[in-house]
Amino acid sequence: MPSSAAVEMTKRDMTSMPATPEINASAQQLYSLRCDGSQIPTAQLVSVPSTLEDAIVVQSQLSKLEGADLHAWKVAKSPSGDPVAAPLHPYLDNLPRAVLSWRRGMKIEVEIAVELSQDLPVRKDTSYERADIEAAISNAYLGAELVWSGISEGGSISFPAFMADRLGNLGYVRGPALPLAVLQPGSSTSLKLWLNGQIAFDAAGQHPTKDPLTWLWDYANNHSRPSTALRAGSIITTGSLCGAIEVAGPGDVSVQLGNDDDMHFALS
């Protein structure tokens, strides 16, 4: 876990961004959709962010409404190639029997999360090398992200709107620690996912870029990211090993990576 000072600095960084009535209304609408488990088309949003910068401010306000603690994040890449991030909330940390809420249309992504042991501040004059990112990681974990958006088309019509909706994150469960060797480019291992006892995925698990650190590395080199992002103690999830698999209903979820590492939780 990060220090309370680091978390508070991140909160101040996000809340210092200007929030207009339009931005507040957008965040409140997304928050209401999430609370109700309702989806609407992009055309029915009260406002659609025109830029990723605007989307980040809406995302910040939504995170405040949800009470996200801002130490767990997902990193990704926009359709235009921009590195982006969003808080993981709720984040459940290696509980013996975690329970998250199910939503119609929900998908699950099995992922590797990393924990930073040192800050990765914004570098204005030089870039991070991959070795720098690897050196800043103390632990790797098996994890599962639940993906669902209040926007029925997700990001297919407006990626900034999807970005504002926390990139569709509806929760994350962090499982057991993994050897750091799983972060090496080209790494793959057998992955099984059971939904209510039925196999939903049984194949080699591999990051879509073939390198689990690609999107974290890109985001670290994003000069426009918040200066307090990527603090020591942060948990960063790195991208799906199995794509996005639809979860048809509530019930039990089990994941096994390789022969030894497994996790279990429930959707209610």
C-alpha atoms as a PDB file:
ATOM      1  CA  MET A   1       0.000   0.000   0.000  1.00  0.00           C
ATOM      2  CA  PRO A   2       1.205   3.562  -0.650  1.00  0.00           C
ATOM      3  CA  SER A   3       1.811   5.956   2.200  1.00  0.00           C
ATOM      4  CA  SER A   4      -1.168   8.109   3.215  1.00  0.00           C
ATOM      5  CA  ALA A   5       0.824  11.142   2.070  1.00  0.00           C
ATOM      6  CA  ALA A   6       1.295   9.695  -1.423  1.00  0.00           C
ATOM      7  CA  VAL A   7      -2.424   8.891  -1.745  1.00  0.00           C
ATOM      8  CA  GLU A   8      -3.370  12.366  -0.489  1.00  0.00           C
ATOM      9  CA  MET A   9      -1.009  14.020  -2.979  1.00  0.00           C
ATOM     10  CA  THR A  10      -2.651  12.028  -5.800  1.00  0.00           C
ATOM     11  CA  LYS A  11      -6.081  13.151  -4.613  1.00  0.00           C
ATOM     12  CA  ARG A  12      -4.990  16.784  -4.545  1.00  0.00           C
ATOM     13  CA  ASP A  13      -3.510  16.487  -8.035  1.00  0.00           C
ATOM     14  CA  MET A  14      -6.799  15.169  -9.436  1.00  0.00           C
ATOM     15  CA  THR A  15      -9.149  17.439  -7.510  1.00  0.00           C
ATOM     16  CA  SER A  16      -7.193  20.566  -8.435  1.00  0.00           C
ATOM     17  CA  MET A  17      -8.279  20.178 -12.050  1.00  0.00           C
ATOM     18  CA  PRO A  18     -11.090  22.587 -13.022  1.00  0.00           C
ATOM     19  CA  ALA A  19     -14.576  21.033 -12.820  1.00  0.00           C
ATOM     20  CA  THR A  20     -17.241  22.996 -14.679  1.00  0.00           C
ATOM     21  CA  PRO A  21     -20.997  22.435 -14.171  1.00  0.00           C
ATOM     22  CA  GLU A  22     -20.964  20.466 -17.431  1.00  0.00           C
ATOM     23  CA  ILE A  23     -18.185  18.196 -16.158  1.00  0.00           C
ATOM     24  CA  ASN A  24     -19.950  17.710 -12.827  1.00  0.00           C
ATOM     25  CA  ALA A  25     -23.178  16.795 -14.639  1.00  0.00           C
ATOM     26  CA  SER A  26     -21.331  14.247 -16.793  1.00  0.00           C
ATOM     27  CA  ALA A  27     -19.702  12.643 -13.772  1.00  0.00           C
ATOM     28  CA  GLN A  28     -23.010  12.534 -11.887  1.00  0.00           C
ATOM     29  CA  GLN A  29     -24.747  10.867 -14.842  1.00  0.00           C
ATOM     30  CA  LEU A  30     -22.049   8.190 -15.148  1.00  0.00           C
ATOM     31  CA  TYR A  31     -22.162   7.640 -11.392  1.00  0.00           C
ATOM     32  CA  SER A  32     -25.943   7.189 -11.468  1.00  0.00           C
ATOM     33  CA  LEU A  33     -25.717   4.705 -14.339  1.00  0.00           C
ATOM     34  CA  ARG A  34     -23.160   2.686 -12.413  1.00  0.00           C
ATOM     35  CA  CYS A  35     -25.252   2.698  -9.235  1.00  0.00           C
ATOM     36  CA  ASP A  36     -28.376   1.617 -11.138  1.00  0.00           C
ATOM     37  CA  GLY A  37     -26.632  -0.892 -13.398  1.00  0.00           C
ATOM     38  CA  SER A  38     -28.168   0.937 -16.358  1.00  0.00           C
ATOM     39  CA  GLN A  39     -26.725   1.617 -19.805  1.00  0.00           C
ATOM     40  CA  ILE A  40     -27.526   4.352 -22.300  1.00  0.00           C
ATOM     41  CA  PRO A  41     -26.217   5.121 -25.800  1.00  0.00           C
ATOM     42  CA  THR A  42     -23.547   7.764 -26.239  1.00  0.00           C
ATOM     43  CA  ALA A  43     -26.137  10.086 -27.833  1.00  0.00           C
ATOM     44  CA  GLN A  44     -28.002  10.271 -24.491  1.00  0.00           C
ATOM     45  CA  LEU A  45     -25.043  11.470 -22.450  1.00  0.00           C
ATOM     46  CA  VAL A  46     -25.544  14.967 -21.054  1.00  0.00           C
ATOM     47  CA  SER A  47     -22.136  15.868 -22.455  1.00  0.00           C
ATOM     48  CA  VAL A  48     -19.454  14.018 -24.427  1.00  0.00           C
ATOM     49  CA  PRO A  49     -15.842  15.023 -23.627  1.00  0.00           C
ATOM     50  CA  SER A  50     -14.179  16.409 -26.727  1.00  0.00           C
ATOM     51  CA  THR A  51     -10.618  15.595 -25.629  1.00  0.00           C
ATOM     52  CA  LEU A  52      -8.829  13.086 -23.414  1.00  0.00           C
ATOM     53  CA  GLU A  53      -7.909  15.991 -21.127  1.00  0.00           C
ATOM     54  CA  ASP A  54     -11.597  16.750 -20.558  1.00  0.00           C
ATOM     55  CA  ALA A  55     -12.265  13.045 -20.058  1.00  0.00           C
ATOM     56  CA  ILE A  56      -9.615  12.878 -17.320  1.00  0.00           C
ATOM     57  CA  VAL A  57     -11.363  15.664 -15.395  1.00  0.00           C
ATOM     58  CA  VAL A  58     -14.744  13.893 -15.661  1.00  0.00           C
ATOM     59  CA  GLN A  59     -13.047  10.642 -14.611  1.00  0.00           C
ATOM     60  CA  SER A  60     -11.583  12.458 -11.603  1.00  0.00           C
ATOM     61  CA  GLN A  61     -15.002  13.717 -10.525  1.00  0.00           C
ATOM     62  CA  LEU A  62     -16.551  10.266 -11.011  1.00  0.00           C
ATOM     63  CA  SER A  63     -13.798   8.729  -8.882  1.00  0.00           C
ATOM     64  CA  LYS A  64     -14.534  11.251  -6.120  1.00  0.00           C
ATOM     65  CA  LEU A  65     -18.237  10.353  -6.194  1.00  0.00           C
ATOM     66  CA  GLU A  66     -17.377   6.653  -5.969  1.00  0.00           C
ATOM     67  CA  GLY A  67     -14.794   7.117  -3.231  1.00  0.00           C
ATOM     68  CA  ALA A  68     -12.000   5.425  -5.194  1.00  0.00           C
ATOM     69  CA  ASP A  69      -8.811   5.352  -3.118  1.00  0.00           C
ATOM     70  CA  LEU A  70      -6.549   6.002  -6.123  1.00  0.00           C
ATOM     71  CA  HIS A  71      -3.742   3.552  -5.387  1.00  0.00           C
ATOM     72  CA  ALA A  72      -4.832   0.906  -7.923  1.00  0.00           C
ATOM     73  CA  TRP A  73      -4.916   1.713 -11.645  1.00  0.00           C
ATOM     74  CA  LYS A  74      -5.300   0.180 -15.076  1.00  0.00           C
ATOM     75  CA  VAL A  75      -3.183   1.325 -18.021  1.00  0.00           C
ATOM     76  CA  ALA A  76      -4.222   1.032 -21.650  1.00  0.00           C
ATOM     77  CA  LYS A  77      -3.857   2.619 -25.073  1.00  0.00           C
ATOM     78  CA  SER A  78      -6.452   4.741 -26.889  1.00  0.00           C
ATOM     79  CA  PRO A  79      -7.435   3.941 -30.505  1.00  0.00           C
ATOM     80  CA  SER A  80      -5.200   6.843 -31.585  1.00  0.00           C
ATOM     81  CA  GLY A  81      -2.242   5.448 -29.633  1.00  0.00           C
ATOM     82  CA  ASP A  82      -2.345   7.683 -26.546  1.00  0.00           C
ATOM     83  CA  PRO A  83      -1.321   6.060 -23.241  1.00  0.00           C
ATOM     84  CA  VAL A  84      -4.227   6.308 -20.781  1.00  0.00           C
ATOM     85  CA  ALA A  85      -5.063   5.184 -17.247  1.00  0.00           C
ATOM     86  CA  ALA A  86      -8.053   4.887 -14.935  1.00  0.00           C
ATOM     87  CA  PRO A  87      -8.594   3.950 -11.281  1.00  0.00           C
ATOM     88  CA  LEU A  88      -9.568   0.378 -10.387  1.00  0.00           C
ATOM     89  CA  HIS A  89     -12.595   0.502  -8.089  1.00  0.00           C
ATOM     90  CA  PRO A  90     -13.650  -1.394  -6.111  1.00  0.00           C
ATOM     91  CA  TYR A  91     -10.239  -2.970  -5.573  1.00  0.00           C
ATOM     92  CA  LEU A  92     -10.200  -6.121  -3.449  1.00  0.00           C
ATOM     93  CA  ASP A  93      -6.776  -7.115  -2.219  1.00  0.00           C
ATOM     94  CA  ASN A  94      -6.203 -10.866  -2.050  1.00  0.00           C
ATOM     95  CA  LEU A  95      -9.215 -11.609   0.130  1.00  0.00           C
ATOM     96  CA  PRO A  96     -10.022 -15.257   0.881  1.00  0.00           C
ATOM     97  CA  ARG A  97     -13.489 -14.911  -0.672  1.00  0.00           C
ATOM     98  CA  ALA A  98     -13.982 -11.631  -2.518  1.00  0.00           C
ATOM     99  CA  VAL A  99     -17.443 -10.696  -3.818  1.00  0.00           C
ATOM    100  CA  LEU A 100     -18.165  -8.147  -6.543  1.00  0.00           C
ATOM    101  CA  SER A 101     -21.415  -7.062  -8.181  1.00  0.00           C
ATOM    102  CA  TRP A 102     -22.508  -8.609 -11.478  1.00  0.00           C
ATOM    103  CA  ARG A 103     -24.010  -6.511 -14.309  1.00  0.00           C
ATOM    104  CA  ARG A 104     -25.677  -7.661 -17.501  1.00  0.00           C
ATOM    105  CA  GLY A 105     -23.128  -7.311 -20.293  1.00  0.00           C
ATOM    106  CA  MET A 106     -20.166  -7.587 -17.907  1.00  0.00           C
ATOM    107  CA  LYS A 107     -16.896  -9.056 -19.170  1.00  0.00           C
ATOM    108  CA  ILE A 108     -13.888 -10.437 -17.330  1.00  0.00           C
ATOM    109  CA  GLU A 109     -10.204 -10.026 -18.139  1.00  0.00           C
ATOM    110  CA  VAL A 110      -7.510 -12.090 -16.420  1.00  0.00           C
ATOM    111  CA  GLU A 111      -4.447  -9.911 -16.000  1.00  0.00           C
ATOM    112  CA  ILE A 112      -1.087  -9.492 -14.330  1.00  0.00           C
ATOM    113  CA  ALA A 113      -0.795  -6.610 -11.870  1.00  0.00           C
ATOM    114  CA  VAL A 114       2.468  -5.099 -10.685  1.00  0.00           C
ATOM    115  CA  GLU A 115       3.360  -3.198  -7.524  1.00  0.00           C
ATOM    116  CA  LEU A 116       5.770  -0.270  -7.732  1.00  0.00           C
ATOM    117  CA  SER A 117       8.539  -0.127  -5.156  1.00  0.00           C
ATOM    118  CA  GLN A 118       9.684   3.330  -6.251  1.00  0.00           C
ATOM    119  CA  ASP A 119       8.192   6.444  -7.821  1.00  0.00           C
ATOM    120  CA  LEU A 120       8.225   6.902 -11.584  1.00  0.00           C
ATOM    121  CA  PRO A 121       8.070  10.714 -11.855  1.00  0.00           C
ATOM    122  CA  VAL A 122       7.428  12.451 -15.153  1.00  0.00           C
ATOM    123  CA  ARG A 123      10.686  12.854 -17.085  1.00  0.00           C
ATOM    124  CA  LYS A 124      10.708  15.946 -19.262  1.00  0.00           C
ATOM    125  CA  ASP A 125      14.105  15.617 -20.924  1.00  0.00           C
ATOM    126  CA  THR A 126      14.679  11.866 -21.089  1.00  0.00           C
ATOM    127  CA  SER A 127      12.545   8.770 -21.520  1.00  0.00           C
ATOM    128  CA  TYR A 128      12.229   5.686 -19.383  1.00  0.00           C
ATOM    129  CA  GLU A 129      13.748   2.520 -20.788  1.00  0.00           C
ATOM    130  CA  ARG A 130      12.004  -0.769 -20.244  1.00  0.00           C
ATOM    131  CA  ALA A 131      14.707  -1.729 -17.742  1.00  0.00           C
ATOM    132  CA  ASP A 132      13.811   1.346 -15.664  1.00  0.00           C
ATOM    133  CA  ILE A 133      10.199   0.204 -15.425  1.00  0.00           C
ATOM    134  CA  GLU A 134      11.213  -3.336 -14.529  1.00  0.00           C
ATOM    135  CA  ALA A 135      13.575  -2.057 -11.835  1.00  0.00           C
ATOM    136  CA  ALA A 136      10.731  -0.088 -10.216  1.00  0.00           C
ATOM    137  CA  ILE A 137       8.551  -3.204  -9.775  1.00  0.00           C
ATOM    138  CA  SER A 138       8.746  -5.149  -6.520  1.00  0.00           C
ATOM    139  CA  ASN A 139       5.953  -7.686  -7.032  1.00  0.00           C
ATOM    140  CA  ALA A 140       3.696  -9.201  -9.684  1.00  0.00           C
ATOM    141  CA  TYR A 141       0.256 -10.667  -9.010  1.00  0.00           C
ATOM    142  CA  LEU A 142      -2.443 -12.663 -10.720  1.00  0.00           C
ATOM    143  CA  GLY A 143      -5.632 -10.619 -10.971  1.00  0.00           C
ATOM    144  CA  ALA A 144      -9.021 -10.306 -12.624  1.00  0.00           C
ATOM    145  CA  GLU A 145     -10.713  -7.137 -13.873  1.00  0.00           C
ATOM    146  CA  LEU A 146     -14.464  -6.796 -14.324  1.00  0.00           C
ATOM    147  CA  VAL A 147     -15.347  -4.595 -17.298  1.00  0.00           C
ATOM    148  CA  TRP A 148     -18.706  -2.873 -17.785  1.00  0.00           C
ATOM    149  CA  SER A 149     -19.679   0.623 -18.885  1.00  0.00           C
ATOM    150  CA  GLY A 150     -22.767   2.755 -18.419  1.00  0.00           C
ATOM    151  CA  ILE A 151     -22.295   3.643 -22.094  1.00  0.00           C
ATOM    152  CA  SER A 152     -23.893   0.877 -24.147  1.00  0.00           C
ATOM    153  CA  GLU A 153     -21.408   1.149 -27.039  1.00  0.00           C
ATOM    154  CA  GLY A 154     -18.391   1.300 -24.725  1.00  0.00           C
ATOM    155  CA  GLY A 155     -15.691   3.321 -26.462  1.00  0.00           C
ATOM    156  CA  SER A 156     -16.638   2.493 -30.050  1.00  0.00           C
ATOM    157  CA  ILE A 157     -18.364   5.859 -30.674  1.00  0.00           C
ATOM    158  CA  SER A 158     -16.483   8.138 -28.285  1.00  0.00           C
ATOM    159  CA  PHE A 159     -13.314   6.900 -26.628  1.00  0.00           C
ATOM    160  CA  PRO A 160     -13.071  10.054 -24.444  1.00  0.00           C
ATOM    161  CA  ALA A 161     -16.537   9.258 -23.042  1.00  0.00           C
ATOM    162  CA  PHE A 162     -15.393   5.688 -22.280  1.00  0.00           C
ATOM    163  CA  MET A 163     -12.220   7.101 -20.742  1.00  0.00           C
ATOM    164  CA  ALA A 164     -14.372   9.306 -18.510  1.00  0.00           C
ATOM    165  CA  ASP A 165     -16.261   6.175 -17.430  1.00  0.00           C
ATOM    166  CA  ARG A 166     -13.000   4.796 -15.984  1.00  0.00           C
ATOM    167  CA  LEU A 167     -12.264   2.775 -19.138  1.00  0.00           C
ATOM    168  CA  GLY A 168     -15.150   0.511 -18.216  1.00  0.00           C
ATOM    169  CA  ASN A 169     -13.617  -0.767 -14.985  1.00  0.00           C
ATOM    170  CA  LEU A 170     -16.193  -2.123 -12.517  1.00  0.00           C
ATOM    171  CA  GLY A 171     -13.844  -3.781 -10.070  1.00  0.00           C
ATOM    172  CA  TYR A 172     -10.613  -5.704  -9.637  1.00  0.00           C
ATOM    173  CA  VAL A 173      -9.596  -8.679  -7.532  1.00  0.00           C
ATOM    174  CA  ARG A 174      -5.905  -9.124  -6.830  1.00  0.00           C
ATOM    175  CA  GLY A 175      -4.854 -12.716  -6.382  1.00  0.00           C
ATOM    176  CA  PRO A 176      -1.611 -14.488  -5.412  1.00  0.00           C
ATOM    177  CA  ALA A 177       1.919 -13.281  -6.052  1.00  0.00           C
ATOM    178  CA  LEU A 178       3.631 -14.468  -9.239  1.00  0.00           C
ATOM    179  CA  PRO A 179       7.322 -14.797 -10.105  1.00  0.00           C
ATOM    180  CA  LEU A 180       8.636 -11.666 -11.806  1.00  0.00           C
ATOM    181  CA  ALA A 181       9.611 -13.843 -14.782  1.00  0.00           C
ATOM    182  CA  VAL A 182       5.981 -13.558 -15.991  1.00  0.00           C
ATOM    183  CA  LEU A 183       6.802  -9.960 -17.006  1.00  0.00           C
ATOM    184  CA  GLN A 184       9.373 -10.947 -19.612  1.00  0.00           C
ATOM    185  CA  PRO A 185       8.482 -10.228 -23.265  1.00  0.00           C
ATOM    186  CA  GLY A 186       6.976 -13.228 -25.003  1.00  0.00           C
ATOM    187  CA  SER A 187       6.087 -14.960 -21.742  1.00  0.00           C
ATOM    188  CA  SER A 188       3.047 -17.195 -21.880  1.00  0.00           C
ATOM    189  CA  THR A 189       1.700 -19.955 -19.697  1.00  0.00           C
ATOM    190  CA  SER A 190      -1.420 -22.075 -19.545  1.00  0.00           C
ATOM    191  CA  LEU A 191      -4.487 -20.175 -18.339  1.00  0.00           C
ATOM    192  CA  LYS A 192      -7.852 -21.567 -17.328  1.00  0.00           C
ATOM    193  CA  LEU A 193     -10.949 -19.576 -16.409  1.00  0.00           C
ATOM    194  CA  TRP A 194     -14.082 -21.185 -14.985  1.00  0.00           C
ATOM    195  CA  LEU A 195     -17.419 -19.369 -14.714  1.00  0.00           C
ATOM    196  CA  ASN A 196     -19.860 -21.265 -12.489  1.00  0.00           C
ATOM    197  CA  GLY A 197     -17.834 -24.416 -12.977  1.00  0.00           C
ATOM    198  CA  GLN A 198     -17.823 -24.200 -16.761  1.00  0.00           C
ATOM    199  CA  ILE A 199     -14.585 -23.640 -18.680  1.00  0.00           C
ATOM    200  CA  ALA A 200     -14.691 -20.207 -20.362  1.00  0.00           C
ATOM    201  CA  PHE A 201     -11.009 -20.057 -21.393  1.00  0.00           C
ATOM    202  CA  ASP A 202      -8.395 -22.797 -21.658  1.00  0.00           C
ATOM    203  CA  ALA A 203      -5.324 -21.802 -23.661  1.00  0.00           C
ATOM    204  CA  ALA A 204      -1.981 -20.058 -23.336  1.00  0.00           C
ATOM    205  CA  GLY A 205      -2.386 -16.678 -21.646  1.00  0.00           C
ATOM    206  CA  GLN A 206      -0.457 -13.853 -23.288  1.00  0.00           C
ATOM    207  CA  HIS A 207      -0.561 -10.056 -23.258  1.00  0.00           C
ATOM    208  CA  PRO A 208      -1.896  -8.569 -26.537  1.00  0.00           C
ATOM    209  CA  THR A 209       1.416  -6.787 -27.208  1.00  0.00           C
ATOM    210  CA  LYS A 210       3.423  -9.884 -26.136  1.00  0.00           C
ATOM    211  CA  ASP A 211       5.003  -7.721 -23.406  1.00  0.00           C
ATOM    212  CA  PRO A 212       3.045  -7.133 -20.157  1.00  0.00           C
ATOM    213  CA  LEU A 213       4.959  -3.905 -19.465  1.00  0.00           C
ATOM    214  CA  THR A 214       4.201  -2.177 -22.803  1.00  0.00           C
ATOM    215  CA  TRP A 215       1.313   0.020 -21.658  1.00  0.00           C
ATOM    216  CA  LEU A 216       2.845   0.865 -18.270  1.00  0.00           C
ATOM    217  CA  TRP A 217       6.081   1.808 -20.027  1.00  0.00           C
ATOM    218  CA  ASP A 218       4.183   3.986 -22.503  1.00  0.00           C
ATOM    219  CA  TYR A 219       2.190   5.649 -19.729  1.00  0.00           C
ATOM    220  CA  ALA A 220       5.340   6.339 -17.701  1.00  0.00           C
ATOM    221  CA  ASN A 221       6.670   8.253 -20.739  1.00  0.00           C
ATOM    222  CA  ASN A 222       3.439  10.245 -21.159  1.00  0.00           C
ATOM    223  CA  HIS A 223       4.502  13.817 -20.324  1.00  0.00           C
ATOM    224  CA  SER A 224       0.911  14.960 -19.829  1.00  0.00           C
ATOM    225  CA  ARG A 225       0.062  12.431 -17.094  1.00  0.00           C
ATOM    226  CA  PRO A 226      -0.484  13.730 -13.546  1.00  0.00           C
ATOM    227  CA  SER A 227       2.811  14.412 -11.816  1.00  0.00           C
ATOM    228  CA  THR A 228       1.700  12.305  -8.830  1.00  0.00           C
ATOM    229  CA  ALA A 229       0.805   9.224 -10.896  1.00  0.00           C
ATOM    230  CA  LEU A 230       2.905   6.046 -10.613  1.00  0.00           C
ATOM    231  CA  ARG A 231       3.907   6.420  -6.981  1.00  0.00           C
ATOM    232  CA  ALA A 232       5.688   3.779  -4.935  1.00  0.00           C
ATOM    233  CA  GLY A 233       3.099   1.373  -3.523  1.00  0.00           C
ATOM    234  CA  SER A 234       0.739   1.744  -6.479  1.00  0.00           C
ATOM    235  CA  ILE A 235      -0.824  -1.354  -8.005  1.00  0.00           C
ATOM    236  CA  ILE A 236      -0.994  -1.235 -11.818  1.00  0.00           C
ATOM    237  CA  THR A 237      -2.802  -3.842 -13.890  1.00  0.00           C
ATOM    238  CA  THR A 238      -1.232  -4.340 -17.268  1.00  0.00           C
ATOM    239  CA  GLY A 239      -3.704  -5.796 -19.798  1.00  0.00           C
ATOM    240  CA  SER A 240      -5.684  -8.961 -20.430  1.00  0.00           C
ATOM    241  CA  LEU A 241      -4.077 -12.357 -20.994  1.00  0.00           C
ATOM    242  CA  CYS A 242      -7.299 -13.805 -22.440  1.00  0.00           C
ATOM    243  CA  GLY A 243      -9.175 -10.970 -24.112  1.00  0.00           C
ATOM    244  CA  ALA A 244     -12.558  -9.916 -22.703  1.00  0.00           C
ATOM    245  CA  ILE A 245     -14.898 -12.814 -21.899  1.00  0.00           C
ATOM    246  CA  GLU A 246     -18.589 -12.173 -21.285  1.00  0.00           C
ATOM    247  CA  VAL A 247     -19.989 -13.244 -17.914  1.00  0.00           C
ATOM    248  CA  ALA A 248     -23.562 -14.409 -18.531  1.00  0.00           C
ATOM    249  CA  GLY A 249     -24.710 -14.302 -14.913  1.00  0.00           C
ATOM    250  CA  PRO A 250     -23.695 -14.131 -11.260  1.00  0.00           C
ATOM    251  CA  GLY A 251     -21.852 -16.984  -9.618  1.00  0.00           C
ATOM    252  CA  ASP A 252     -18.393 -18.351  -8.917  1.00  0.00           C
ATOM    253  CA  VAL A 253     -15.218 -17.396 -10.781  1.00  0.00           C
ATOM    254  CA  SER A 254     -12.026 -19.455 -10.672  1.00  0.00           C
ATOM    255  CA  VAL A 255      -8.709 -18.727 -12.400  1.00  0.00           C
ATOM    256  CA  GLN A 256      -5.618 -20.893 -12.709  1.00  0.00           C
ATOM    257  CA  LEU A 257      -2.351 -19.677 -14.249  1.00  0.00           C
ATOM    258  CA  GLY A 258       0.119 -22.468 -14.862  1.00  0.00           C
ATOM    259  CA  ASN A 259      -0.059 -25.383 -12.446  1.00  0.00           C
ATOM    260  CA  ASP A 260       0.194 -23.654  -9.077  1.00  0.00           C
ATOM    261  CA  ASP A 261      -1.290 -20.145  -9.055  1.00  0.00           C
ATOM    262  CA  ASP A 262      -5.042 -19.840  -8.668  1.00  0.00           C
ATOM    263  CA  MET A 263      -7.706 -17.504  -7.324  1.00  0.00           C
ATOM    264  CA  HIS A 264     -11.413 -17.664  -6.591  1.00  0.00           C
ATOM    265  CA  PHE A 265     -14.107 -15.045  -6.075  1.00  0.00           C
ATOM    266  CA  ALA A 266     -17.822 -14.552  -6.584  1.00  0.00           C
ATOM    267  CA  LEU A 267     -20.153 -12.278  -8.508  1.00  0.00           C
ATOM    268  CA  SER A 268     -23.492 -11.544  -6.891  1.00  0.00           C
END
